[in-house]
Every structure is written in structure tokens, then in C-alpha cells.
Amino acid sequence: MAGHQTPHFQNTDGHSSIEIGVKEFMCMGAKPPFDHPHVFLDLGDDVERVCPYCSTLYKFNPNLKADETVPPGALYHDETA
């Protein structure tokens, strides 16, 4: 699909879990330059998954839009782009 980009989530604030509105995404740990290798995670039929690098627990919330998170602000936007 043209123009489709996989959302990247970060956890610079160190939350134990983050609710997200998508089932396929990248975890990058903290914001650069302290990010870990960006790992693709696919929830499939599951509703939660732990990042193997930073241990952030991601929980799918169908009530959230693709760009919303709980707590807010976990969707990463590259400010240099």
C-alpha cells in the first residue's frame, strides 16, 4: 500500500505498559540517540506483546486511533524529517 508507514513507538519516560491502537508496529525503546534496534512487533490475534529489547508491554486498545497512545506521546515523530 503506497504511503503506508509502520508506526514507531518510544518509551523514553519508562512506562511499564503503553496502550496502542495498532497491531503492527516498531518499538525503538527511547528516543534517539538512546534508542535500541528498532524491532517490528506484530500482535496477530494477541492483545499484548512485550518488546524483547526494552521489556515495554504494549497493549492493543481498539478504541484508540493509530496515532493515539495511553499514556499520550509514545508515538515517535522524526523531527529531522
N, C-alpha and C. Protein backbone atom coordinates (compact mmCIF):
# COMPACT_ATOMS: atom_id res chain seq x y z
N MET A 1 0.85 -1.17 0.00
CA MET A 1 0.00 0.00 0.00
C MET A 1 0.89 1.23 0.00
N ALA A 2 0.77 2.05 -1.00
CA ALA A 2 1.60 3.25 -1.11
C ALA A 2 1.25 4.23 0.00
N GLY A 3 2.28 4.84 0.56
CA GLY A 3 2.08 5.84 1.59
C GLY A 3 1.86 5.27 2.98
N HIS A 4 1.78 3.96 3.11
CA HIS A 4 1.58 3.34 4.41
C HIS A 4 2.92 3.25 5.12
N GLN A 5 2.96 3.70 6.36
CA GLN A 5 4.20 3.64 7.11
C GLN A 5 3.93 2.96 8.45
N THR A 6 4.81 2.09 8.86
CA THR A 6 4.67 1.39 10.14
C THR A 6 4.94 2.38 11.27
N PRO A 7 3.99 2.52 12.21
CA PRO A 7 4.22 3.45 13.32
C PRO A 7 5.35 2.98 14.23
N HIS A 8 6.12 3.93 14.72
CA HIS A 8 7.21 3.67 15.67
C HIS A 8 6.78 4.22 17.04
N PHE A 9 6.95 3.40 18.05
CA PHE A 9 6.62 3.84 19.41
C PHE A 9 7.89 3.87 20.25
N GLN A 10 7.96 4.85 21.15
CA GLN A 10 9.10 5.02 22.04
C GLN A 10 8.60 5.08 23.47
N ASN A 11 9.49 4.76 24.40
CA ASN A 11 9.15 4.76 25.82
C ASN A 11 10.25 5.44 26.62
N THR A 12 10.60 6.63 26.22
CA THR A 12 11.64 7.39 26.91
C THR A 12 11.30 7.60 28.38
N ASP A 13 10.02 7.75 28.69
CA ASP A 13 9.60 8.02 30.07
C ASP A 13 9.58 6.78 30.95
N GLY A 14 9.80 5.60 30.37
CA GLY A 14 9.91 4.37 31.16
C GLY A 14 8.61 3.83 31.72
N HIS A 15 7.51 3.98 30.99
CA HIS A 15 6.23 3.41 31.43
C HIS A 15 6.30 1.89 31.38
N SER A 16 5.63 1.23 32.30
CA SER A 16 5.64 -0.23 32.30
C SER A 16 4.80 -0.80 31.17
N SER A 17 3.77 -0.06 30.74
CA SER A 17 2.97 -0.50 29.60
C SER A 17 2.46 0.70 28.83
N ILE A 18 2.15 0.47 27.55
CA ILE A 18 1.63 1.51 26.67
C ILE A 18 0.48 0.89 25.87
N GLU A 19 -0.65 1.56 25.89
CA GLU A 19 -1.79 1.13 25.08
C GLU A 19 -1.68 1.78 23.72
N ILE A 20 -1.90 0.98 22.67
CA ILE A 20 -1.78 1.46 21.29
C ILE A 20 -3.00 1.03 20.48
N GLY A 21 -3.23 1.71 19.37
CA GLY A 21 -4.38 1.43 18.53
C GLY A 21 -4.07 0.67 17.27
N VAL A 22 -2.89 0.05 17.19
CA VAL A 22 -2.49 -0.73 16.02
C VAL A 22 -1.96 -2.09 16.48
N LYS A 23 -1.91 -3.03 15.55
CA LYS A 23 -1.42 -4.37 15.89
C LYS A 23 -0.07 -4.68 15.25
N GLU A 24 0.41 -3.82 14.35
CA GLU A 24 1.74 -3.98 13.75
C GLU A 24 2.48 -2.67 13.93
N PHE A 25 3.68 -2.73 14.48
CA PHE A 25 4.40 -1.51 14.82
C PHE A 25 5.87 -1.80 15.07
N MET A 26 6.64 -0.75 15.23
CA MET A 26 8.05 -0.86 15.59
C MET A 26 8.23 -0.29 16.99
N CYS A 27 9.00 -0.99 17.81
CA CYS A 27 9.42 -0.45 19.10
C CYS A 27 10.86 0.00 18.94
N MET A 28 11.16 1.19 19.44
CA MET A 28 12.51 1.72 19.36
C MET A 28 13.10 2.03 20.73
N GLY A 29 12.39 1.66 21.78
CA GLY A 29 12.88 1.94 23.14
C GLY A 29 12.73 3.40 23.46
N ALA A 30 13.84 4.08 23.64
CA ALA A 30 13.84 5.51 23.93
C ALA A 30 14.03 6.30 22.63
N LYS A 31 13.87 7.59 22.74
CA LYS A 31 14.12 8.46 21.58
C LYS A 31 15.62 8.48 21.28
N PRO A 32 15.97 8.70 20.01
CA PRO A 32 17.39 8.81 19.65
C PRO A 32 18.05 9.94 20.45
N PRO A 33 19.29 9.78 20.83
CA PRO A 33 20.24 8.75 20.42
C PRO A 33 20.27 7.54 21.36
N PHE A 34 19.28 7.41 22.22
CA PHE A 34 19.28 6.33 23.21
C PHE A 34 18.36 5.17 22.82
N ASP A 35 17.96 5.12 21.55
CA ASP A 35 17.07 4.06 21.08
C ASP A 35 17.80 2.73 20.95
N HIS A 36 17.03 1.64 21.06
CA HIS A 36 17.59 0.31 20.81
C HIS A 36 17.31 -0.05 19.35
N PRO A 37 17.83 -1.17 18.86
CA PRO A 37 17.50 -1.57 17.48
C PRO A 37 15.97 -1.58 17.31
N HIS A 38 15.50 -0.97 16.24
CA HIS A 38 14.06 -0.88 16.00
C HIS A 38 13.55 -2.26 15.61
N VAL A 39 12.66 -2.79 16.42
CA VAL A 39 12.16 -4.16 16.23
C VAL A 39 10.69 -4.11 15.82
N PHE A 40 10.36 -4.88 14.76
CA PHE A 40 8.98 -4.97 14.29
C PHE A 40 8.22 -5.95 15.17
N LEU A 41 7.08 -5.53 15.68
CA LEU A 41 6.25 -6.40 16.51
C LEU A 41 4.86 -6.51 15.86
N ASP A 42 4.34 -7.71 15.81
CA ASP A 42 3.03 -7.98 15.24
C ASP A 42 2.22 -8.72 16.30
N LEU A 43 1.13 -8.12 16.74
CA LEU A 43 0.32 -8.74 17.77
C LEU A 43 -0.48 -9.93 17.26
N GLY A 44 -0.76 -9.97 15.96
CA GLY A 44 -1.56 -11.07 15.42
C GLY A 44 -2.90 -11.13 16.13
N ASP A 45 -3.25 -12.30 16.66
CA ASP A 45 -4.51 -12.47 17.39
C ASP A 45 -4.39 -12.08 18.86
N ASP A 46 -3.17 -11.78 19.32
CA ASP A 46 -2.96 -11.41 20.71
C ASP A 46 -3.35 -9.95 20.95
N VAL A 47 -3.51 -9.59 22.20
CA VAL A 47 -3.83 -8.20 22.54
C VAL A 47 -2.68 -7.49 23.26
N GLU A 48 -1.60 -8.22 23.53
CA GLU A 48 -0.44 -7.58 24.14
C GLU A 48 0.83 -8.33 23.77
N ARG A 49 1.94 -7.58 23.84
CA ARG A 49 3.25 -8.15 23.49
C ARG A 49 4.32 -7.35 24.24
N VAL A 50 5.36 -8.04 24.69
CA VAL A 50 6.48 -7.41 25.37
C VAL A 50 7.62 -7.24 24.37
N CYS A 51 8.21 -6.05 24.33
CA CYS A 51 9.37 -5.83 23.48
C CYS A 51 10.54 -6.62 24.03
N PRO A 52 11.22 -7.41 23.17
CA PRO A 52 12.34 -8.22 23.66
C PRO A 52 13.57 -7.41 24.05
N TYR A 53 13.65 -6.15 23.64
CA TYR A 53 14.81 -5.31 23.99
C TYR A 53 14.60 -4.52 25.27
N CYS A 54 13.46 -3.81 25.37
CA CYS A 54 13.29 -2.88 26.48
C CYS A 54 12.23 -3.32 27.49
N SER A 55 11.55 -4.43 27.20
CA SER A 55 10.53 -5.00 28.07
C SER A 55 9.29 -4.14 28.25
N THR A 56 9.08 -3.18 27.36
CA THR A 56 7.83 -2.42 27.40
C THR A 56 6.69 -3.36 27.00
N LEU A 57 5.62 -3.33 27.77
CA LEU A 57 4.44 -4.12 27.46
C LEU A 57 3.50 -3.26 26.63
N TYR A 58 3.25 -3.69 25.40
CA TYR A 58 2.32 -2.99 24.51
C TYR A 58 0.98 -3.70 24.56
N LYS A 59 -0.09 -2.92 24.77
CA LYS A 59 -1.44 -3.47 24.87
C LYS A 59 -2.31 -2.85 23.78
N PHE A 60 -2.95 -3.69 22.99
CA PHE A 60 -3.84 -3.19 21.94
C PHE A 60 -5.14 -2.70 22.57
N ASN A 61 -5.53 -1.48 22.19
CA ASN A 61 -6.79 -0.89 22.64
C ASN A 61 -7.56 -0.50 21.38
N PRO A 62 -8.62 -1.24 21.03
CA PRO A 62 -9.35 -0.96 19.79
C PRO A 62 -10.06 0.38 19.78
N ASN A 63 -10.16 1.02 20.91
CA ASN A 63 -10.81 2.33 20.99
C ASN A 63 -9.87 3.48 20.64
N LEU A 64 -8.58 3.18 20.48
CA LEU A 64 -7.60 4.21 20.13
C LEU A 64 -7.40 4.27 18.62
N LYS A 65 -7.15 5.47 18.12
CA LYS A 65 -6.77 5.64 16.71
C LYS A 65 -5.31 5.23 16.56
N ALA A 66 -4.86 5.06 15.32
CA ALA A 66 -3.50 4.60 15.06
C ALA A 66 -2.44 5.55 15.63
N ASP A 67 -2.76 6.82 15.77
CA ASP A 67 -1.77 7.79 16.26
C ASP A 67 -1.99 8.17 17.73
N GLU A 68 -2.82 7.41 18.45
CA GLU A 68 -3.08 7.68 19.86
C GLU A 68 -2.44 6.62 20.74
N THR A 69 -1.99 7.02 21.91
CA THR A 69 -1.44 6.09 22.89
C THR A 69 -1.90 6.50 24.29
N VAL A 70 -1.89 5.56 25.19
CA VAL A 70 -2.13 5.80 26.61
C VAL A 70 -0.96 5.18 27.35
N PRO A 71 -0.15 5.96 28.03
CA PRO A 71 -0.18 7.42 28.15
C PRO A 71 0.15 8.10 26.82
N PRO A 72 -0.30 9.34 26.68
CA PRO A 72 -0.07 10.06 25.42
C PRO A 72 1.42 10.32 25.15
N GLY A 73 1.75 10.46 23.87
CA GLY A 73 3.10 10.86 23.49
C GLY A 73 4.06 9.74 23.15
N ALA A 74 3.60 8.49 23.11
CA ALA A 74 4.52 7.39 22.82
C ALA A 74 4.76 7.17 21.32
N LEU A 75 3.92 7.74 20.46
CA LEU A 75 4.15 7.63 19.02
C LEU A 75 5.32 8.55 18.66
N TYR A 76 6.33 7.98 18.01
CA TYR A 76 7.53 8.75 17.67
C TYR A 76 7.35 9.46 16.34
N HIS A 77 7.70 10.73 16.33
CA HIS A 77 7.72 11.55 15.12
C HIS A 77 9.15 12.00 14.91
N ASP A 78 9.74 11.66 13.78
CA ASP A 78 11.11 12.08 13.47
C ASP A 78 11.12 13.57 13.20
N GLU A 79 11.69 14.32 14.11
CA GLU A 79 11.69 15.77 14.00
C GLU A 79 12.69 16.29 12.97
N THR A 80 13.55 15.40 12.45
CA THR A 80 14.52 15.84 11.45
C THR A 80 13.99 15.68 10.03
N ALA A 81 12.89 14.94 9.89
CA ALA A 81 12.33 14.70 8.54
C ALA A 81 11.53 15.89 8.06
